[in-house]
Amino acid sequence: MRLISWNVNGLRSCAQKGLAEFVASADADVICFQETKLQPEQNSFEPEGYMRWFNSAEKKGYSGTAVFSKTEPLSVSFGMGIPELDSEGRVIAAEFPKFTLVNCYTPNAQRDLARLPFRMVWEDAFRAFVSGLAKKKTVVICGDLNVAHQEIDLKNAKSNRGNAGFTDEEREKFGRLLDAGFVDSFRFLHPEEKKYSWWSYMFKARERDIGWRIDYFLVSADGAGLIKSAQIASEVTGSDHAPVILELDV
């Protein structure tokens, strides 16, 4: 089964930059988008053969997630069941026969770390949410988790320490998520590889490959043996993020 996750930084914008061609060539069974920045009625991206579900932020033009699937899930739920954390459309859980797929767009701590306290509350709630799901069947988490876990996961680790996405607090919470029983699929298969999934639009960062790996597929430990491949499609443009791809033997 081929799964793709991509922070499109605006689904309508990305649709004008080759998204349809990428989706057609990728031939994924399920595609998860983050930062869709639209309400469902504003969507016009309708690739043939896919059903679709949206979780949009109450604030228009902000955040949001979507799942496009060739197979209808057994069930689809939106949010974590916590109203104060669910208003930004950041989580969709789609249950399939062999696993539950959780599409997540983790809140950014922001440049001045103004949202770091909110982020810490979110992290604990999300870990509890996915851990609960994992008691029932294998869980696959995908999305822009807005953290580079280790120094290998970004180009300039020393100069970025303490910045949003590479604070000790965010990295520690990500470590606790892994300790709760989840495997970072890319690092599982590529323990030493330096490859990034996000680049700033400034200073020709992508051209110079000055990036961060903040987009993930995590798999609950009971499903680690199902991982066939984990890739970052850094050659695909259309957003400041690259798609990440997971193939499972299910």
C-alpha atoms as a PDB file:
ATOM      1  CA  MET A   1       0.000   0.000   0.000  1.00  0.00           C
ATOM      2  CA  ARG A   2       1.417   3.346  -1.067  1.00  0.00           C
ATOM      3  CA  LEU A   3       0.796   6.370   1.170  1.00  0.00           C
ATOM      4  CA  ILE A   4       1.805   9.979   0.519  1.00  0.00           C
ATOM      5  CA  SER A   5       1.822  12.936   2.884  1.00  0.00           C
ATOM      6  CA  TRP A   6       2.414  16.513   1.752  1.00  0.00           C
ATOM      7  CA  ASN A   7       2.156  19.939   3.308  1.00  0.00           C
ATOM      8  CA  VAL A   8       0.927  21.742   0.201  1.00  0.00           C
ATOM      9  CA  ASN A   9       1.003  25.231   1.760  1.00  0.00           C
ATOM     10  CA  GLY A  10      -2.373  26.016   0.234  1.00  0.00           C
ATOM     11  CA  LEU A  11      -4.172  23.321  -1.744  1.00  0.00           C
ATOM     12  CA  ARG A  12      -5.556  25.785  -4.280  1.00  0.00           C
ATOM     13  CA  SER A  13      -2.101  27.276  -4.843  1.00  0.00           C
ATOM     14  CA  CYS A  14      -0.415  23.885  -5.169  1.00  0.00           C
ATOM     15  CA  ALA A  15      -3.114  22.741  -7.607  1.00  0.00           C
ATOM     16  CA  GLN A  16      -1.849  25.434  -9.974  1.00  0.00           C
ATOM     17  CA  LYS A  17       1.744  24.151  -9.699  1.00  0.00           C
ATOM     18  CA  GLY A  18       1.522  20.613 -11.035  1.00  0.00           C
ATOM     19  CA  LEU A  19      -0.329  18.856  -8.220  1.00  0.00           C
ATOM     20  CA  ALA A  20      -2.616  16.900 -10.552  1.00  0.00           C
ATOM     21  CA  GLU A  21       0.332  15.620 -12.545  1.00  0.00           C
ATOM     22  CA  PHE A  22       2.151  14.543  -9.407  1.00  0.00           C
ATOM     23  CA  VAL A  23      -0.884  12.723  -8.000  1.00  0.00           C
ATOM     24  CA  ALA A  24      -1.459  10.931 -11.292  1.00  0.00           C
ATOM     25  CA  SER A  25       2.149   9.799 -11.590  1.00  0.00           C
ATOM     26  CA  ALA A  26       2.487   8.860  -7.904  1.00  0.00           C
ATOM     27  CA  ASP A  27      -0.457   6.460  -8.053  1.00  0.00           C
ATOM     28  CA  ALA A  28      -0.863   6.405  -4.276  1.00  0.00           C
ATOM     29  CA  ASP A  29      -3.613   4.543  -2.485  1.00  0.00           C
ATOM     30  CA  VAL A  30      -4.013   7.339   0.064  1.00  0.00           C
ATOM     31  CA  ILE A  31      -2.763  10.934  -0.003  1.00  0.00           C
ATOM     32  CA  CYS A  32      -2.793  13.169   3.062  1.00  0.00           C
ATOM     33  CA  PHE A  33      -2.463  16.916   2.733  1.00  0.00           C
ATOM     34  CA  GLN A  34      -1.653  19.474   5.418  1.00  0.00           C
ATOM     35  CA  GLU A  35      -2.041  23.259   5.417  1.00  0.00           C
ATOM     36  CA  THR A  36      -4.866  23.092   2.891  1.00  0.00           C
ATOM     37  CA  LYS A  37      -5.993  26.640   3.755  1.00  0.00           C
ATOM     38  CA  LEU A  38      -9.544  26.192   2.490  1.00  0.00           C
ATOM     39  CA  GLN A  39     -13.081  25.214   3.390  1.00  0.00           C
ATOM     40  CA  PRO A  40     -14.461  22.052   1.709  1.00  0.00           C
ATOM     41  CA  GLU A  41     -16.754  24.052  -0.554  1.00  0.00           C
ATOM     42  CA  GLN A  42     -13.732  25.971  -1.869  1.00  0.00           C
ATOM     43  CA  ASN A  43     -11.989  22.840  -3.103  1.00  0.00           C
ATOM     44  CA  SER A  44     -11.803  22.200  -6.827  1.00  0.00           C
ATOM     45  CA  PHE A  45      -9.029  19.601  -6.785  1.00  0.00           C
ATOM     46  CA  GLU A  46     -10.806  16.343  -7.549  1.00  0.00           C
ATOM     47  CA  PRO A  47      -8.453  13.700  -8.960  1.00  0.00           C
ATOM     48  CA  GLU A  48     -10.238  10.783 -10.554  1.00  0.00           C
ATOM     49  CA  GLY A  49     -10.658   7.700  -8.420  1.00  0.00           C
ATOM     50  CA  TYR A  50     -10.254   9.355  -5.010  1.00  0.00           C
ATOM     51  CA  MET A  51     -12.779   9.972  -2.268  1.00  0.00           C
ATOM     52  CA  ARG A  52     -11.934  12.925  -0.064  1.00  0.00           C
ATOM     53  CA  TRP A  53     -12.410  14.218   3.476  1.00  0.00           C
ATOM     54  CA  PHE A  54     -11.528  17.666   4.814  1.00  0.00           C
ATOM     55  CA  ASN A  55     -10.954  19.045   8.295  1.00  0.00           C
ATOM     56  CA  SER A  56     -10.811  22.804   7.960  1.00  0.00           C
ATOM     57  CA  ALA A  57      -9.908  25.474  10.467  1.00  0.00           C
ATOM     58  CA  GLU A  58     -12.626  27.757  11.752  1.00  0.00           C
ATOM     59  CA  LYS A  59     -10.372  30.614  10.663  1.00  0.00           C
ATOM     60  CA  LYS A  60     -10.625  30.780   6.883  1.00  0.00           C
ATOM     61  CA  GLY A  61      -7.467  30.475   4.804  1.00  0.00           C
ATOM     62  CA  TYR A  62      -5.537  28.874   7.659  1.00  0.00           C
ATOM     63  CA  SER A  63      -4.213  25.429   8.566  1.00  0.00           C
ATOM     64  CA  GLY A  64      -6.441  22.468   7.627  1.00  0.00           C
ATOM     65  CA  THR A  65      -5.959  18.844   6.617  1.00  0.00           C
ATOM     66  CA  ALA A  66      -7.406  16.527   3.969  1.00  0.00           C
ATOM     67  CA  VAL A  67      -7.360  12.828   3.129  1.00  0.00           C
ATOM     68  CA  PHE A  68      -7.794  11.538  -0.431  1.00  0.00           C
ATOM     69  CA  SER A  69      -8.253   7.771  -0.682  1.00  0.00           C
ATOM     70  CA  LYS A  70      -8.993   5.269  -3.426  1.00  0.00           C
ATOM     71  CA  THR A  71     -10.523   2.927  -0.843  1.00  0.00           C
ATOM     72  CA  GLU A  72     -13.259   4.009   1.520  1.00  0.00           C
ATOM     73  CA  PRO A  73     -12.058   3.764   5.126  1.00  0.00           C
ATOM     74  CA  LEU A  74     -14.042   1.839   7.712  1.00  0.00           C
ATOM     75  CA  SER A  75     -14.461   5.121   9.558  1.00  0.00           C
ATOM     76  CA  VAL A  76     -13.178   8.697   9.493  1.00  0.00           C
ATOM     77  CA  SER A  77     -12.990  11.034  12.497  1.00  0.00           C
ATOM     78  CA  PHE A  78     -11.947  14.642  12.797  1.00  0.00           C
ATOM     79  CA  GLY A  79      -9.916  16.149  15.612  1.00  0.00           C
ATOM     80  CA  MET A  80      -8.949  14.630  18.947  1.00  0.00           C
ATOM     81  CA  GLY A  81     -12.221  15.264  20.749  1.00  0.00           C
ATOM     82  CA  ILE A  82     -10.785  18.281  22.595  1.00  0.00           C
ATOM     83  CA  PRO A  83     -12.626  21.444  21.484  1.00  0.00           C
ATOM     84  CA  GLU A  84      -9.897  23.889  22.484  1.00  0.00           C
ATOM     85  CA  LEU A  85      -7.377  21.974  20.327  1.00  0.00           C
ATOM     86  CA  ASP A  86      -9.631  21.008  17.435  1.00  0.00           C
ATOM     87  CA  SER A  87     -10.677  24.382  16.004  1.00  0.00           C
ATOM     88  CA  GLU A  88      -7.759  24.569  13.547  1.00  0.00           C
ATOM     89  CA  GLY A  89      -8.544  21.413  11.550  1.00  0.00           C
ATOM     90  CA  ARG A  90      -5.253  19.712  12.310  1.00  0.00           C
ATOM     91  CA  VAL A  91      -6.159  16.014  12.662  1.00  0.00           C
ATOM     92  CA  ILE A  92      -8.019  13.423  10.580  1.00  0.00           C
ATOM     93  CA  ALA A  93      -8.030   9.732  11.558  1.00  0.00           C
ATOM     94  CA  ALA A  94      -9.026   7.239   8.859  1.00  0.00           C
ATOM     95  CA  GLU A  95      -9.430   3.619   9.926  1.00  0.00           C
ATOM     96  CA  PHE A  96      -8.583   0.933   7.378  1.00  0.00           C
ATOM     97  CA  PRO A  97      -8.811  -2.840   7.906  1.00  0.00           C
ATOM     98  CA  LYS A  98      -5.129  -3.280   8.838  1.00  0.00           C
ATOM     99  CA  PHE A  99      -4.270   0.086  10.390  1.00  0.00           C
ATOM    100  CA  THR A 100      -5.519   3.519  11.372  1.00  0.00           C
ATOM    101  CA  LEU A 101      -3.979   6.439   9.478  1.00  0.00           C
ATOM    102  CA  VAL A 102      -3.677   9.720  11.377  1.00  0.00           C
ATOM    103  CA  ASN A 103      -3.054  12.815   9.260  1.00  0.00           C
ATOM    104  CA  CYS A 104      -1.596  15.554  11.455  1.00  0.00           C
ATOM    105  CA  TYR A 105      -0.505  19.154  11.021  1.00  0.00           C
ATOM    106  CA  THR A 106       1.227  20.021  14.285  1.00  0.00           C
ATOM    107  CA  PRO A 107       1.023  23.669  15.424  1.00  0.00           C
ATOM    108  CA  ASN A 108       4.101  25.785  14.777  1.00  0.00           C
ATOM    109  CA  ALA A 109       5.670  27.294  17.885  1.00  0.00           C
ATOM    110  CA  GLN A 110       6.187  30.486  15.844  1.00  0.00           C
ATOM    111  CA  ARG A 111       9.332  32.503  15.397  1.00  0.00           C
ATOM    112  CA  ASP A 112       9.126  34.185  18.798  1.00  0.00           C
ATOM    113  CA  LEU A 113       7.959  30.921  20.436  1.00  0.00           C
ATOM    114  CA  ALA A 114       4.665  32.603  21.296  1.00  0.00           C
ATOM    115  CA  ARG A 115       2.784  29.342  20.733  1.00  0.00           C
ATOM    116  CA  LEU A 116       5.250  27.047  22.444  1.00  0.00           C
ATOM    117  CA  PRO A 117       3.054  26.668  25.561  1.00  0.00           C
ATOM    118  CA  PHE A 118       0.086  25.749  23.331  1.00  0.00           C
ATOM    119  CA  ARG A 119       2.340  23.391  21.407  1.00  0.00           C
ATOM    120  CA  MET A 120       3.313  21.591  24.621  1.00  0.00           C
ATOM    121  CA  VAL A 121      -0.336  21.029  25.528  1.00  0.00           C
ATOM    122  CA  TRP A 122      -1.008  19.824  21.985  1.00  0.00           C
ATOM    123  CA  GLU A 123       1.899  17.375  22.085  1.00  0.00           C
ATOM    124  CA  ASP A 124       0.684  15.685  25.251  1.00  0.00           C
ATOM    125  CA  ALA A 125      -2.872  15.462  23.960  1.00  0.00           C
ATOM    126  CA  PHE A 126      -1.798  14.099  20.577  1.00  0.00           C
ATOM    127  CA  ARG A 127       0.453  11.479  22.145  1.00  0.00           C
ATOM    128  CA  ALA A 128      -2.420  10.308  24.333  1.00  0.00           C
ATOM    129  CA  PHE A 129      -4.759  10.292  21.315  1.00  0.00           C
ATOM    130  CA  VAL A 130      -2.573   8.142  19.063  1.00  0.00           C
ATOM    131  CA  SER A 131      -1.531   5.885  21.933  1.00  0.00           C
ATOM    132  CA  GLY A 132      -5.185   5.167  22.544  1.00  0.00           C
ATOM    133  CA  LEU A 133      -5.723   4.300  18.899  1.00  0.00           C
ATOM    134  CA  ALA A 134      -2.664   2.049  18.935  1.00  0.00           C
ATOM    135  CA  LYS A 135      -4.254  -0.139  21.612  1.00  0.00           C
ATOM    136  CA  LYS A 136      -6.805  -1.235  19.001  1.00  0.00           C
ATOM    137  CA  LYS A 137      -4.704  -1.736  15.860  1.00  0.00           C
ATOM    138  CA  THR A 138      -1.543  -0.571  14.106  1.00  0.00           C
ATOM    139  CA  VAL A 139      -1.344   3.227  13.765  1.00  0.00           C
ATOM    140  CA  VAL A 140       0.390   5.175  11.007  1.00  0.00           C
ATOM    141  CA  ILE A 141       0.923   8.876  11.730  1.00  0.00           C
ATOM    142  CA  CYS A 142       1.785  11.186   8.865  1.00  0.00           C
ATOM    143  CA  GLY A 143       2.161  14.876   8.357  1.00  0.00           C
ATOM    144  CA  ASP A 144       4.065  18.046   9.024  1.00  0.00           C
ATOM    145  CA  LEU A 145       5.005  17.527  12.672  1.00  0.00           C
ATOM    146  CA  ASN A 146       6.948  20.809  12.734  1.00  0.00           C
ATOM    147  CA  VAL A 147      10.039  19.476  14.483  1.00  0.00           C
ATOM    148  CA  ALA A 148      13.485  18.341  13.426  1.00  0.00           C
ATOM    149  CA  HIS A 149      14.236  15.632  15.956  1.00  0.00           C
ATOM    150  CA  GLN A 150      18.019  15.313  15.804  1.00  0.00           C
ATOM    151  CA  GLU A 151      20.884  17.406  14.454  1.00  0.00           C
ATOM    152  CA  ILE A 152      21.042  15.165  11.388  1.00  0.00           C
ATOM    153  CA  ASP A 153      17.527  16.355  10.514  1.00  0.00           C
ATOM    154  CA  LEU A 154      18.448  19.921   9.590  1.00  0.00           C
ATOM    155  CA  LYS A 155      21.300  21.613   7.798  1.00  0.00           C
ATOM    156  CA  ASN A 156      22.364  24.184  10.379  1.00  0.00           C
ATOM    157  CA  ALA A 157      21.644  22.588  13.728  1.00  0.00           C
ATOM    158  CA  LYS A 158      23.888  24.697  15.945  1.00  0.00           C
ATOM    159  CA  SER A 159      22.630  28.060  14.718  1.00  0.00           C
ATOM    160  CA  ASN A 160      18.991  26.939  14.870  1.00  0.00           C
ATOM    161  CA  ARG A 161      18.972  25.455  18.348  1.00  0.00           C
ATOM    162  CA  GLY A 162      16.231  27.130  20.344  1.00  0.00           C
ATOM    163  CA  ASN A 163      14.361  28.270  17.248  1.00  0.00           C
ATOM    164  CA  ALA A 164      10.839  27.096  16.502  1.00  0.00           C
ATOM    165  CA  GLY A 165      10.981  23.513  15.311  1.00  0.00           C
ATOM    166  CA  PHE A 166      14.299  22.823  17.019  1.00  0.00           C
ATOM    167  CA  THR A 167      13.746  23.796  20.628  1.00  0.00           C
ATOM    168  CA  ASP A 168      14.742  21.349  23.331  1.00  0.00           C
ATOM    169  CA  GLU A 169      11.097  21.223  24.408  1.00  0.00           C
ATOM    170  CA  GLU A 170       9.759  20.227  20.973  1.00  0.00           C
ATOM    171  CA  ARG A 171      12.491  17.668  20.407  1.00  0.00           C
ATOM    172  CA  GLU A 172      11.854  16.144  23.822  1.00  0.00           C
ATOM    173  CA  LYS A 173       8.139  15.797  23.095  1.00  0.00           C
ATOM    174  CA  PHE A 174       8.909  14.096  19.781  1.00  0.00           C
ATOM    175  CA  GLY A 175      11.211  11.717  21.615  1.00  0.00           C
ATOM    176  CA  ARG A 176       8.425  10.921  24.047  1.00  0.00           C
ATOM    177  CA  LEU A 177       6.134  10.113  21.118  1.00  0.00           C
ATOM    178  CA  LEU A 178       8.699   7.645  19.798  1.00  0.00           C
ATOM    179  CA  ASP A 179       9.142   6.217  23.287  1.00  0.00           C
ATOM    180  CA  ALA A 180       5.382   5.704  23.456  1.00  0.00           C
ATOM    181  CA  GLY A 181       5.811   3.039  20.799  1.00  0.00           C
ATOM    182  CA  PHE A 182       6.243   4.693  17.402  1.00  0.00           C
ATOM    183  CA  VAL A 183       8.936   4.264  14.755  1.00  0.00           C
ATOM    184  CA  ASP A 184      10.214   7.055  12.495  1.00  0.00           C
ATOM    185  CA  SER A 185       9.981   5.142   9.215  1.00  0.00           C
ATOM    186  CA  PHE A 186      12.538   7.193   7.283  1.00  0.00           C
ATOM    187  CA  ARG A 187      15.149   7.046  10.025  1.00  0.00           C
ATOM    188  CA  PHE A 188      14.334   3.352  10.585  1.00  0.00           C
ATOM    189  CA  LEU A 189      15.385   2.556   7.011  1.00  0.00           C
ATOM    190  CA  HIS A 190      17.942   5.353   6.525  1.00  0.00           C
ATOM    191  CA  PRO A 191      19.683   5.829   9.888  1.00  0.00           C
ATOM    192  CA  GLU A 192      22.498   8.043   8.579  1.00  0.00           C
ATOM    193  CA  GLU A 193      20.968   9.745   5.531  1.00  0.00           C
ATOM    194  CA  LYS A 194      20.705  13.518   5.459  1.00  0.00           C
ATOM    195  CA  LYS A 195      17.641  14.481   3.478  1.00  0.00           C
ATOM    196  CA  TYR A 196      15.198  17.306   4.040  1.00  0.00           C
ATOM    197  CA  SER A 197      11.504  17.920   3.476  1.00  0.00           C
ATOM    198  CA  TRP A 198      11.166  21.678   4.035  1.00  0.00           C
ATOM    199  CA  TRP A 199      13.154  24.709   2.881  1.00  0.00           C
ATOM    200  CA  SER A 200      12.645  28.385   3.543  1.00  0.00           C
ATOM    201  CA  TYR A 201      11.567  30.486   0.577  1.00  0.00           C
ATOM    202  CA  MET A 202      14.366  32.897   1.487  1.00  0.00           C
ATOM    203  CA  PHE A 203      18.036  32.917   0.494  1.00  0.00           C
ATOM    204  CA  LYS A 204      17.605  30.252  -2.212  1.00  0.00           C
ATOM    205  CA  ALA A 205      17.472  27.689   0.584  1.00  0.00           C
ATOM    206  CA  ARG A 206      15.997  24.922  -1.535  1.00  0.00           C
ATOM    207  CA  GLU A 207      18.431  25.487  -4.366  1.00  0.00           C
ATOM    208  CA  ARG A 208      21.253  25.245  -1.832  1.00  0.00           C
ATOM    209  CA  ASP A 209      19.555  22.371   0.057  1.00  0.00           C
ATOM    210  CA  ILE A 210      19.561  24.231   3.360  1.00  0.00           C
ATOM    211  CA  GLY A 211      16.565  22.423   4.762  1.00  0.00           C
ATOM    212  CA  TRP A 212      14.861  20.632   7.617  1.00  0.00           C
ATOM    213  CA  ARG A 213      13.242  17.199   7.865  1.00  0.00           C
ATOM    214  CA  ILE A 214       9.973  17.955   9.626  1.00  0.00           C
ATOM    215  CA  ASP A 215       7.529  15.807   7.606  1.00  0.00           C
ATOM    216  CA  TYR A 216       7.143  12.240   8.779  1.00  0.00           C
ATOM    217  CA  PHE A 217       5.541   8.850   8.612  1.00  0.00           C
ATOM    218  CA  LEU A 218       5.561   7.224  12.046  1.00  0.00           C
ATOM    219  CA  VAL A 219       4.374   3.641  12.481  1.00  0.00           C
ATOM    220  CA  SER A 220       3.434   2.013  15.762  1.00  0.00           C
ATOM    221  CA  ALA A 221       6.052  -0.551  16.743  1.00  0.00           C
ATOM    222  CA  ASP A 222       3.786  -3.519  16.064  1.00  0.00           C
ATOM    223  CA  GLY A 223       3.674  -2.460  12.408  1.00  0.00           C
ATOM    224  CA  ALA A 224       7.382  -1.750  11.882  1.00  0.00           C
ATOM    225  CA  GLY A 225       7.765  -5.013  10.021  1.00  0.00           C
ATOM    226  CA  LEU A 226       5.254  -3.792   7.438  1.00  0.00           C
ATOM    227  CA  ILE A 227       7.503  -0.918   6.294  1.00  0.00           C
ATOM    228  CA  LYS A 228       8.790  -1.599   2.768  1.00  0.00           C
ATOM    229  CA  SER A 229      10.152   1.820   1.869  1.00  0.00           C
ATOM    230  CA  ALA A 230      10.180   5.387   3.170  1.00  0.00           C
ATOM    231  CA  GLN A 231      11.166   8.211   0.870  1.00  0.00           C
ATOM    232  CA  ILE A 232      11.283  11.998   0.617  1.00  0.00           C
ATOM    233  CA  ALA A 233      10.425  13.228  -2.885  1.00  0.00           C
ATOM    234  CA  SER A 234      12.629  16.313  -2.648  1.00  0.00           C
ATOM    235  CA  GLU A 235      12.539  16.776  -6.415  1.00  0.00           C
ATOM    236  CA  VAL A 236       8.809  17.545  -6.352  1.00  0.00           C
ATOM    237  CA  THR A 237       8.025  21.262  -6.191  1.00  0.00           C
ATOM    238  CA  GLY A 238       4.759  23.147  -5.786  1.00  0.00           C
ATOM    239  CA  SER A 239       5.195  23.885  -2.080  1.00  0.00           C
ATOM    240  CA  ASP A 240       7.984  24.784   0.324  1.00  0.00           C
ATOM    241  CA  HIS A 241       7.638  21.187   1.568  1.00  0.00           C
ATOM    242  CA  ALA A 242       8.361  17.977  -0.325  1.00  0.00           C
ATOM    243  CA  PRO A 243       6.006  14.988  -0.288  1.00  0.00           C
ATOM    244  CA  VAL A 244       6.990  12.057   1.900  1.00  0.00           C
ATOM    245  CA  ILE A 245       6.119   8.542   0.773  1.00  0.00           C
ATOM    246  CA  LEU A 246       5.597   5.311   2.705  1.00  0.00           C
ATOM    247  CA  GLU A 247       5.030   1.856   1.260  1.00  0.00           C
ATOM    248  CA  LEU A 248       3.536  -0.786   3.547  1.00  0.00           C
ATOM    249  CA  ASP A 249       3.257  -4.510   3.011  1.00  0.00           C
ATOM    250  CA  VAL A 250      -0.485  -4.771   3.717  1.00  0.00           C
END
